[in-house]
N, C-alpha and C. Protein backbone atom coordinates (compact mmCIF):
# COMPACT_ATOMS: atom_id res chain seq x y z
N UNK A 1 -1.91 -17.92 -21.51
CA UNK A 1 -1.83 -16.66 -20.80
C UNK A 1 -3.18 -15.95 -20.88
N UNK A 2 -3.65 -15.44 -19.73
CA UNK A 2 -4.89 -14.67 -19.69
C UNK A 2 -4.53 -13.21 -19.46
N UNK A 3 -5.29 -12.33 -20.12
CA UNK A 3 -5.09 -10.89 -19.99
C UNK A 3 -6.31 -10.28 -19.34
N UNK A 4 -6.09 -9.34 -18.41
CA UNK A 4 -7.20 -8.61 -17.82
C UNK A 4 -6.72 -7.22 -17.41
N UNK A 5 -7.68 -6.34 -17.24
CA UNK A 5 -7.41 -4.96 -16.83
C UNK A 5 -8.10 -4.71 -15.50
N UNK A 6 -7.47 -3.88 -14.67
CA UNK A 6 -8.08 -3.46 -13.42
C UNK A 6 -8.03 -1.95 -13.35
N UNK A 7 -9.19 -1.35 -13.06
CA UNK A 7 -9.26 0.09 -12.81
C UNK A 7 -9.29 0.29 -11.31
N UNK A 8 -8.65 1.34 -10.84
CA UNK A 8 -8.49 1.60 -9.42
C UNK A 8 -9.04 2.95 -9.04
N UNK A 9 -9.85 2.96 -8.00
CA UNK A 9 -10.26 4.19 -7.34
C UNK A 9 -9.39 4.25 -6.09
N UNK A 10 -8.64 5.33 -5.94
CA UNK A 10 -7.69 5.45 -4.83
C UNK A 10 -8.17 6.45 -3.80
N UNK A 11 -7.68 6.29 -2.58
CA UNK A 11 -7.95 7.28 -1.54
C UNK A 11 -7.35 8.61 -2.00
N UNK A 12 -7.93 9.69 -1.53
CA UNK A 12 -7.45 11.01 -1.93
C UNK A 12 -5.96 11.16 -1.66
N UNK A 13 -5.25 11.59 -2.69
CA UNK A 13 -3.81 11.81 -2.56
C UNK A 13 -2.95 10.56 -2.61
N UNK A 14 -3.53 9.41 -2.93
CA UNK A 14 -2.78 8.15 -2.89
C UNK A 14 -2.54 7.50 -4.26
N UNK A 15 -3.01 8.11 -5.33
CA UNK A 15 -2.89 7.47 -6.66
C UNK A 15 -1.43 7.19 -7.03
N UNK A 16 -0.53 8.13 -6.79
CA UNK A 16 0.87 7.92 -7.14
C UNK A 16 1.51 6.86 -6.25
N UNK A 17 1.10 6.80 -4.99
CA UNK A 17 1.62 5.77 -4.09
C UNK A 17 1.17 4.38 -4.55
N UNK A 18 -0.10 4.27 -4.93
CA UNK A 18 -0.63 2.99 -5.42
C UNK A 18 0.09 2.59 -6.70
N UNK A 19 0.26 3.52 -7.63
CA UNK A 19 0.95 3.22 -8.89
C UNK A 19 2.39 2.77 -8.62
N UNK A 20 3.06 3.43 -7.70
CA UNK A 20 4.44 3.06 -7.37
C UNK A 20 4.51 1.66 -6.77
N UNK A 21 3.58 1.35 -5.89
CA UNK A 21 3.60 0.03 -5.27
C UNK A 21 3.29 -1.07 -6.29
N UNK A 22 2.36 -0.79 -7.21
CA UNK A 22 2.08 -1.75 -8.29
C UNK A 22 3.33 -1.98 -9.13
N UNK A 23 4.02 -0.90 -9.46
CA UNK A 23 5.22 -1.01 -10.29
C UNK A 23 6.31 -1.79 -9.56
N UNK A 24 6.50 -1.50 -8.27
CA UNK A 24 7.53 -2.19 -7.48
C UNK A 24 7.23 -3.68 -7.32
N UNK A 25 5.95 -4.04 -7.27
CA UNK A 25 5.56 -5.44 -7.13
C UNK A 25 5.80 -6.23 -8.42
N UNK A 26 5.96 -5.52 -9.53
CA UNK A 26 6.20 -6.13 -10.84
C UNK A 26 5.14 -7.17 -11.20
N UNK A 27 3.88 -6.83 -10.94
CA UNK A 27 2.78 -7.74 -11.28
C UNK A 27 1.94 -7.22 -12.44
N UNK A 28 2.09 -5.94 -12.77
CA UNK A 28 1.34 -5.33 -13.88
C UNK A 28 2.28 -5.10 -15.05
N UNK A 29 1.78 -5.31 -16.25
CA UNK A 29 2.62 -5.07 -17.42
C UNK A 29 2.61 -3.59 -17.82
N UNK A 30 1.50 -2.91 -17.56
CA UNK A 30 1.38 -1.48 -17.87
C UNK A 30 0.49 -0.83 -16.82
N UNK A 31 0.82 0.39 -16.44
CA UNK A 31 0.04 1.14 -15.46
C UNK A 31 -0.17 2.55 -16.00
N UNK A 32 -1.42 3.01 -15.99
CA UNK A 32 -1.75 4.33 -16.52
C UNK A 32 -2.54 5.13 -15.49
N UNK A 33 -2.32 6.43 -15.45
CA UNK A 33 -3.23 7.30 -14.71
C UNK A 33 -4.37 7.63 -15.66
N UNK A 34 -5.57 7.77 -15.11
CA UNK A 34 -6.74 8.03 -15.94
C UNK A 34 -7.57 9.15 -15.34
N UNK A 35 -8.43 9.71 -16.16
CA UNK A 35 -9.37 10.73 -15.70
C UNK A 35 -10.76 10.12 -15.70
N UNK A 36 -11.59 10.60 -14.82
CA UNK A 36 -12.97 10.10 -14.76
C UNK A 36 -13.25 9.40 -13.46
N UNK A 37 -14.02 8.33 -13.54
CA UNK A 37 -14.48 7.61 -12.36
C UNK A 37 -13.35 6.93 -11.59
N UNK A 38 -12.31 6.52 -12.29
CA UNK A 38 -11.19 5.81 -11.68
C UNK A 38 -9.90 6.61 -11.86
N UNK A 39 -8.94 6.36 -10.98
CA UNK A 39 -7.68 7.10 -10.98
C UNK A 39 -6.57 6.42 -11.77
N UNK A 40 -6.58 5.10 -11.77
CA UNK A 40 -5.54 4.32 -12.43
C UNK A 40 -6.15 3.16 -13.19
N UNK A 41 -5.40 2.67 -14.19
CA UNK A 41 -5.78 1.44 -14.88
C UNK A 41 -4.49 0.67 -15.15
N UNK A 42 -4.53 -0.64 -14.93
CA UNK A 42 -3.35 -1.47 -15.17
C UNK A 42 -3.74 -2.71 -15.96
N UNK A 43 -2.78 -3.17 -16.74
CA UNK A 43 -2.96 -4.38 -17.55
C UNK A 43 -2.15 -5.50 -16.91
N UNK A 44 -2.77 -6.67 -16.80
CA UNK A 44 -2.13 -7.81 -16.16
C UNK A 44 -2.18 -9.02 -17.08
N UNK A 45 -1.16 -9.86 -16.97
CA UNK A 45 -1.12 -11.16 -17.63
C UNK A 45 -0.88 -12.20 -16.55
N UNK A 46 -1.66 -13.27 -16.58
CA UNK A 46 -1.43 -14.39 -15.67
C UNK A 46 -1.48 -15.68 -16.47
N UNK A 47 -0.84 -16.71 -15.93
CA UNK A 47 -0.88 -18.03 -16.57
C UNK A 47 -2.32 -18.55 -16.60
N UNK A 48 -2.60 -19.42 -17.54
CA UNK A 48 -3.95 -19.95 -17.71
C UNK A 48 -4.49 -20.64 -16.46
N UNK A 49 -3.62 -21.21 -15.64
CA UNK A 49 -4.08 -21.94 -14.46
C UNK A 49 -4.28 -21.03 -13.24
N UNK A 50 -4.02 -19.73 -13.37
CA UNK A 50 -4.18 -18.80 -12.26
C UNK A 50 -5.61 -18.27 -12.23
N UNK A 51 -6.22 -18.29 -11.06
CA UNK A 51 -7.57 -17.76 -10.88
C UNK A 51 -7.49 -16.24 -10.74
N UNK A 52 -8.12 -15.51 -11.65
CA UNK A 52 -8.05 -14.05 -11.66
C UNK A 52 -8.63 -13.46 -10.38
N UNK A 53 -9.73 -14.02 -9.89
CA UNK A 53 -10.34 -13.52 -8.67
C UNK A 53 -9.40 -13.59 -7.48
N UNK A 54 -8.74 -14.73 -7.33
CA UNK A 54 -7.77 -14.88 -6.24
C UNK A 54 -6.59 -13.93 -6.44
N UNK A 55 -6.12 -13.80 -7.67
CA UNK A 55 -4.99 -12.92 -7.96
C UNK A 55 -5.32 -11.48 -7.56
N UNK A 56 -6.50 -11.01 -7.95
CA UNK A 56 -6.92 -9.64 -7.62
C UNK A 56 -7.03 -9.48 -6.12
N UNK A 57 -7.67 -10.43 -5.45
CA UNK A 57 -7.84 -10.34 -4.00
C UNK A 57 -6.53 -10.42 -3.23
N UNK A 58 -5.65 -11.31 -3.63
CA UNK A 58 -4.45 -11.60 -2.85
C UNK A 58 -3.23 -10.79 -3.24
N UNK A 59 -3.19 -10.27 -4.47
CA UNK A 59 -1.99 -9.55 -4.92
C UNK A 59 -2.23 -8.07 -5.18
N UNK A 60 -3.48 -7.70 -5.47
CA UNK A 60 -3.76 -6.31 -5.86
C UNK A 60 -4.50 -5.55 -4.76
N UNK A 61 -5.62 -6.09 -4.30
CA UNK A 61 -6.46 -5.35 -3.36
C UNK A 61 -5.83 -5.17 -1.99
N UNK A 62 -4.71 -5.81 -1.73
CA UNK A 62 -4.01 -5.64 -0.46
C UNK A 62 -3.17 -4.36 -0.42
N UNK A 63 -3.03 -3.69 -1.56
CA UNK A 63 -2.20 -2.48 -1.62
C UNK A 63 -2.91 -1.34 -0.91
N UNK A 64 -2.20 -0.73 0.01
CA UNK A 64 -2.75 0.38 0.79
C UNK A 64 -3.07 1.56 -0.12
N UNK A 65 -4.23 2.15 0.07
CA UNK A 65 -4.64 3.31 -0.72
C UNK A 65 -5.67 3.00 -1.79
N UNK A 66 -5.91 1.71 -2.04
CA UNK A 66 -6.94 1.34 -3.00
C UNK A 66 -8.28 1.31 -2.29
N UNK A 67 -9.24 2.05 -2.84
CA UNK A 67 -10.58 2.12 -2.25
C UNK A 67 -11.53 1.17 -2.97
N UNK A 68 -11.37 1.05 -4.29
CA UNK A 68 -12.28 0.24 -5.10
C UNK A 68 -11.54 -0.23 -6.34
N UNK A 69 -11.89 -1.43 -6.83
CA UNK A 69 -11.34 -1.92 -8.09
C UNK A 69 -12.47 -2.35 -9.00
N UNK A 70 -12.19 -2.31 -10.30
CA UNK A 70 -13.13 -2.78 -11.31
C UNK A 70 -12.31 -3.61 -12.29
N UNK A 71 -12.58 -4.89 -12.36
CA UNK A 71 -11.80 -5.81 -13.18
C UNK A 71 -12.54 -6.14 -14.47
N UNK A 72 -11.82 -6.07 -15.57
CA UNK A 72 -12.35 -6.45 -16.88
C UNK A 72 -11.53 -7.59 -17.42
N UNK A 73 -12.17 -8.74 -17.61
CA UNK A 73 -11.50 -9.91 -18.16
C UNK A 73 -11.65 -9.85 -19.68
N UNK A 74 -10.55 -10.11 -20.38
CA UNK A 74 -10.58 -10.06 -21.85
C UNK A 74 -10.55 -11.48 -22.40
N UNK A 75 -11.03 -11.60 -23.64
CA UNK A 75 -11.10 -12.91 -24.27
C UNK A 75 -10.23 -13.04 -25.51
N UNK A 76 -10.08 -11.94 -26.26
CA UNK A 76 -9.34 -12.03 -27.51
C UNK A 76 -8.83 -10.65 -27.92
N UNK A 77 -7.61 -10.60 -28.42
CA UNK A 77 -7.06 -9.33 -28.92
C UNK A 77 -7.24 -9.29 -30.44
N UNK A 78 -7.54 -8.13 -30.96
CA UNK A 78 -7.73 -7.97 -32.41
C UNK A 78 -6.64 -7.10 -33.00
């Protein structure tokens, strides 16, 4: 299993819509609203054979209201 985080910059007034759609899709394990440069952050788990780039492009960035994403791939939990 691979773990990664995605931060989301949303169109004005769309952060709650994006969070709701992520939750309904049941692809994120945790979704948080954040302050600062990005509006939301979500934690994802995918199987080892899944390409994270394709997953982000095909399952996440298609959600209406997302303006920008920033993906952080993790290697080890402490």
